[in-house]
Amino acid sequence: MWTALAIISGVLLVIFWRSRNAVWGGLTLGIIIGLVIAGVYAFGGHGFQWFTVGKGAIIGVLAGVGAELLGIVSKPSGRQ
């Protein structure tokens, strides 16, 4: 499941490549949160889990795409 979500996230990153947007912000935030969670887990004696960082990145990208889609849908249509 995570492999499929990673591929989808990679495709979405390519689609939203041109400008700064919520997708890239979600990726950044997801990596930061994943690093914090993996670091806490490592200090618990279980070792650092890079898979957790990857999961955070994937979730961040998907959340960013959701935010971008909400922005696209909520744009005014030009009719007054």
N, C-alpha and C. Protein backbone atom coordinates (compact mmCIF):
# COMPACT_ATOMS: atom_id res chain seq x y z
N MET A 1 0.81 -1.18 0.00
CA MET A 1 0.00 0.00 0.00
C MET A 1 0.86 1.26 0.00
N TRP A 2 1.91 1.28 0.84
CA TRP A 2 2.76 2.46 0.92
C TRP A 2 3.55 2.67 -0.37
N THR A 3 3.86 1.59 -1.07
CA THR A 3 4.57 1.73 -2.34
C THR A 3 3.68 2.42 -3.37
N ALA A 4 2.42 2.03 -3.43
CA ALA A 4 1.49 2.67 -4.36
C ALA A 4 1.29 4.14 -4.00
N LEU A 5 1.16 4.44 -2.71
CA LEU A 5 1.00 5.82 -2.29
C LEU A 5 2.26 6.64 -2.58
N ALA A 6 3.44 6.02 -2.46
CA ALA A 6 4.69 6.71 -2.78
C ALA A 6 4.76 7.05 -4.27
N ILE A 7 4.32 6.13 -5.11
CA ILE A 7 4.32 6.39 -6.56
C ILE A 7 3.33 7.51 -6.89
N ILE A 8 2.16 7.46 -6.30
CA ILE A 8 1.16 8.51 -6.52
C ILE A 8 1.70 9.85 -6.05
N SER A 9 2.35 9.88 -4.89
CA SER A 9 2.93 11.12 -4.37
C SER A 9 4.02 11.65 -5.29
N GLY A 10 4.84 10.77 -5.83
CA GLY A 10 5.88 11.19 -6.76
C GLY A 10 5.31 11.81 -8.02
N VAL A 11 4.25 11.21 -8.54
CA VAL A 11 3.59 11.76 -9.73
C VAL A 11 2.99 13.12 -9.41
N LEU A 12 2.36 13.25 -8.25
CA LEU A 12 1.77 14.54 -7.87
C LEU A 12 2.84 15.61 -7.68
N LEU A 13 4.00 15.24 -7.15
CA LEU A 13 5.09 16.21 -7.02
C LEU A 13 5.55 16.70 -8.39
N VAL A 14 5.60 15.81 -9.36
CA VAL A 14 5.98 16.21 -10.71
C VAL A 14 4.93 17.14 -11.31
N ILE A 15 3.66 16.84 -11.08
CA ILE A 15 2.59 17.66 -11.62
C ILE A 15 2.64 19.08 -11.02
N PHE A 16 2.90 19.18 -9.73
CA PHE A 16 2.93 20.48 -9.05
C PHE A 16 4.35 21.03 -8.93
N TRP A 17 5.23 20.73 -9.89
CA TRP A 17 6.64 21.06 -9.83
C TRP A 17 6.91 22.55 -9.99
N ARG A 18 6.14 23.27 -10.75
CA ARG A 18 6.49 24.61 -11.24
C ARG A 18 6.54 25.71 -10.18
N SER A 19 5.75 25.67 -9.16
CA SER A 19 5.71 26.79 -8.23
C SER A 19 5.65 26.30 -6.79
N ARG A 20 5.89 27.25 -5.89
CA ARG A 20 5.71 26.94 -4.48
C ARG A 20 4.22 26.81 -4.22
N ASN A 21 3.84 25.76 -3.55
CA ASN A 21 2.43 25.54 -3.28
C ASN A 21 2.28 24.62 -2.07
N ALA A 22 1.06 24.27 -1.77
CA ALA A 22 0.77 23.47 -0.58
C ALA A 22 1.35 22.06 -0.67
N VAL A 23 1.56 21.56 -1.88
CA VAL A 23 2.10 20.21 -2.03
C VAL A 23 3.53 20.16 -1.50
N TRP A 24 4.33 21.14 -1.89
CA TRP A 24 5.72 21.18 -1.42
C TRP A 24 5.80 21.53 0.06
N GLY A 25 4.90 22.38 0.52
CA GLY A 25 4.84 22.68 1.95
C GLY A 25 4.44 21.45 2.76
N GLY A 26 3.51 20.68 2.23
CA GLY A 26 3.10 19.44 2.90
C GLY A 26 4.24 18.44 2.95
N LEU A 27 5.01 18.36 1.86
CA LEU A 27 6.18 17.46 1.85
C LEU A 27 7.18 17.87 2.92
N THR A 28 7.47 19.15 2.99
CA THR A 28 8.43 19.64 3.98
C THR A 28 7.95 19.38 5.40
N LEU A 29 6.70 19.72 5.66
CA LEU A 29 6.15 19.50 7.00
C LEU A 29 6.08 18.01 7.34
N GLY A 30 5.73 17.19 6.36
CA GLY A 30 5.69 15.75 6.59
C GLY A 30 7.05 15.17 6.92
N ILE A 31 8.09 15.65 6.23
CA ILE A 31 9.45 15.17 6.53
C ILE A 31 9.87 15.60 7.93
N ILE A 32 9.58 16.85 8.29
CA ILE A 32 9.95 17.32 9.62
C ILE A 32 9.25 16.52 10.70
N ILE A 33 7.95 16.32 10.55
CA ILE A 33 7.20 15.56 11.55
C ILE A 33 7.68 14.11 11.59
N GLY A 34 7.96 13.53 10.41
CA GLY A 34 8.49 12.16 10.37
C GLY A 34 9.83 12.04 11.06
N LEU A 35 10.70 13.04 10.88
CA LEU A 35 12.00 13.02 11.56
C LEU A 35 11.85 13.11 13.07
N VAL A 36 10.92 13.94 13.53
CA VAL A 36 10.69 14.06 14.97
C VAL A 36 10.17 12.74 15.54
N ILE A 37 9.20 12.14 14.88
CA ILE A 37 8.64 10.88 15.38
C ILE A 37 9.69 9.78 15.36
N ALA A 38 10.46 9.70 14.26
CA ALA A 38 11.50 8.67 14.18
C ALA A 38 12.59 8.91 15.23
N GLY A 39 12.90 10.18 15.50
CA GLY A 39 13.90 10.49 16.53
C GLY A 39 13.43 10.08 17.92
N VAL A 40 12.17 10.36 18.23
CA VAL A 40 11.61 9.95 19.52
C VAL A 40 11.63 8.43 19.64
N TYR A 41 11.27 7.77 18.56
CA TYR A 41 11.27 6.30 18.54
C TYR A 41 12.70 5.77 18.74
N ALA A 42 13.68 6.45 18.13
CA ALA A 42 15.08 6.01 18.26
C ALA A 42 15.58 6.18 19.68
N PHE A 43 15.18 7.28 20.34
CA PHE A 43 15.60 7.49 21.72
C PHE A 43 14.95 6.49 22.66
N GLY A 44 13.89 5.86 22.23
CA GLY A 44 13.25 4.81 23.02
C GLY A 44 13.98 3.49 22.94
N GLY A 45 15.05 3.45 22.13
CA GLY A 45 15.86 2.25 22.05
C GLY A 45 15.47 1.31 20.92
N HIS A 46 14.65 1.76 20.00
CA HIS A 46 14.19 0.89 18.93
C HIS A 46 14.89 1.13 17.60
N GLY A 47 15.79 2.09 17.55
CA GLY A 47 16.49 2.41 16.31
C GLY A 47 15.73 3.42 15.47
N PHE A 48 16.47 4.12 14.64
CA PHE A 48 15.88 5.15 13.80
C PHE A 48 15.18 4.51 12.60
N GLN A 49 13.94 4.86 12.38
CA GLN A 49 13.13 4.27 11.32
C GLN A 49 12.94 5.26 10.17
N TRP A 50 13.70 5.08 9.08
CA TRP A 50 13.55 5.94 7.91
C TRP A 50 12.20 5.75 7.25
N PHE A 51 11.61 4.58 7.43
CA PHE A 51 10.30 4.32 6.87
C PHE A 51 9.26 5.28 7.44
N THR A 52 9.42 5.65 8.71
CA THR A 52 8.52 6.60 9.34
C THR A 52 8.64 7.98 8.69
N VAL A 53 9.85 8.37 8.34
CA VAL A 53 10.07 9.65 7.66
C VAL A 53 9.40 9.61 6.28
N GLY A 54 9.54 8.50 5.59
CA GLY A 54 8.90 8.35 4.28
C GLY A 54 7.39 8.40 4.37
N LYS A 55 6.84 7.76 5.39
CA LYS A 55 5.38 7.81 5.58
C LYS A 55 4.92 9.23 5.84
N GLY A 56 5.68 9.97 6.65
CA GLY A 56 5.34 11.36 6.92
C GLY A 56 5.37 12.19 5.65
N ALA A 57 6.36 11.95 4.79
CA ALA A 57 6.47 12.69 3.53
C ALA A 57 5.28 12.38 2.62
N ILE A 58 4.92 11.12 2.54
CA ILE A 58 3.79 10.72 1.69
C ILE A 58 2.50 11.35 2.19
N ILE A 59 2.26 11.27 3.48
CA ILE A 59 1.05 11.86 4.05
C ILE A 59 1.04 13.37 3.85
N GLY A 60 2.20 14.00 4.00
CA GLY A 60 2.29 15.45 3.79
C GLY A 60 1.97 15.84 2.36
N VAL A 61 2.48 15.09 1.39
CA VAL A 61 2.19 15.39 -0.02
C VAL A 61 0.70 15.24 -0.30
N LEU A 62 0.11 14.17 0.17
CA LEU A 62 -1.32 13.95 -0.07
C LEU A 62 -2.18 15.01 0.60
N ALA A 63 -1.78 15.45 1.80
CA ALA A 63 -2.51 16.54 2.47
C ALA A 63 -2.35 17.84 1.69
N GLY A 64 -1.15 18.09 1.17
CA GLY A 64 -0.92 19.29 0.37
C GLY A 64 -1.74 19.29 -0.91
N VAL A 65 -1.87 18.14 -1.55
CA VAL A 65 -2.70 18.04 -2.75
C VAL A 65 -4.16 18.32 -2.40
N GLY A 66 -4.59 17.81 -1.26
CA GLY A 66 -5.95 18.10 -0.82
C GLY A 66 -6.17 19.60 -0.60
N ALA A 67 -5.20 20.26 -0.01
CA ALA A 67 -5.30 21.71 0.19
C ALA A 67 -5.31 22.45 -1.14
N GLU A 68 -4.47 22.02 -2.08
CA GLU A 68 -4.45 22.65 -3.40
C GLU A 68 -5.78 22.46 -4.12
N LEU A 69 -6.36 21.27 -4.03
CA LEU A 69 -7.63 21.02 -4.68
C LEU A 69 -8.76 21.84 -4.06
N LEU A 70 -8.71 22.01 -2.75
CA LEU A 70 -9.71 22.87 -2.11
C LEU A 70 -9.57 24.31 -2.59
N GLY A 71 -8.33 24.77 -2.78
CA GLY A 71 -8.11 26.11 -3.31
C GLY A 71 -8.61 26.27 -4.72
N ILE A 72 -8.42 25.24 -5.55
CA ILE A 72 -8.89 25.29 -6.93
C ILE A 72 -10.41 25.30 -6.98
N VAL A 73 -11.04 24.46 -6.17
CA VAL A 73 -12.50 24.36 -6.16
C VAL A 73 -13.14 25.63 -5.63
N SER A 74 -12.51 26.29 -4.67
CA SER A 74 -13.13 27.45 -4.03
C SER A 74 -12.87 28.76 -4.77
N LYS A 75 -12.14 28.74 -5.88
CA LYS A 75 -11.91 29.97 -6.64
C LYS A 75 -13.23 30.46 -7.21
N PRO A 76 -13.44 31.77 -7.19
CA PRO A 76 -14.67 32.29 -7.78
C PRO A 76 -14.71 32.04 -9.27
N SER A 77 -15.89 31.81 -9.79
CA SER A 77 -16.02 31.46 -11.20
C SER A 77 -16.04 32.68 -12.11
N GLY A 78 -16.03 33.87 -11.57
CA GLY A 78 -16.05 35.06 -12.38
C GLY A 78 -17.45 35.65 -12.57
N ARG A 79 -18.45 34.89 -12.23
CA ARG A 79 -19.84 35.41 -12.32
C ARG A 79 -20.15 36.21 -11.08
N GLN A 80 -20.85 37.30 -11.24
CA GLN A 80 -21.15 38.16 -10.11
C GLN A 80 -22.61 38.12 -9.76
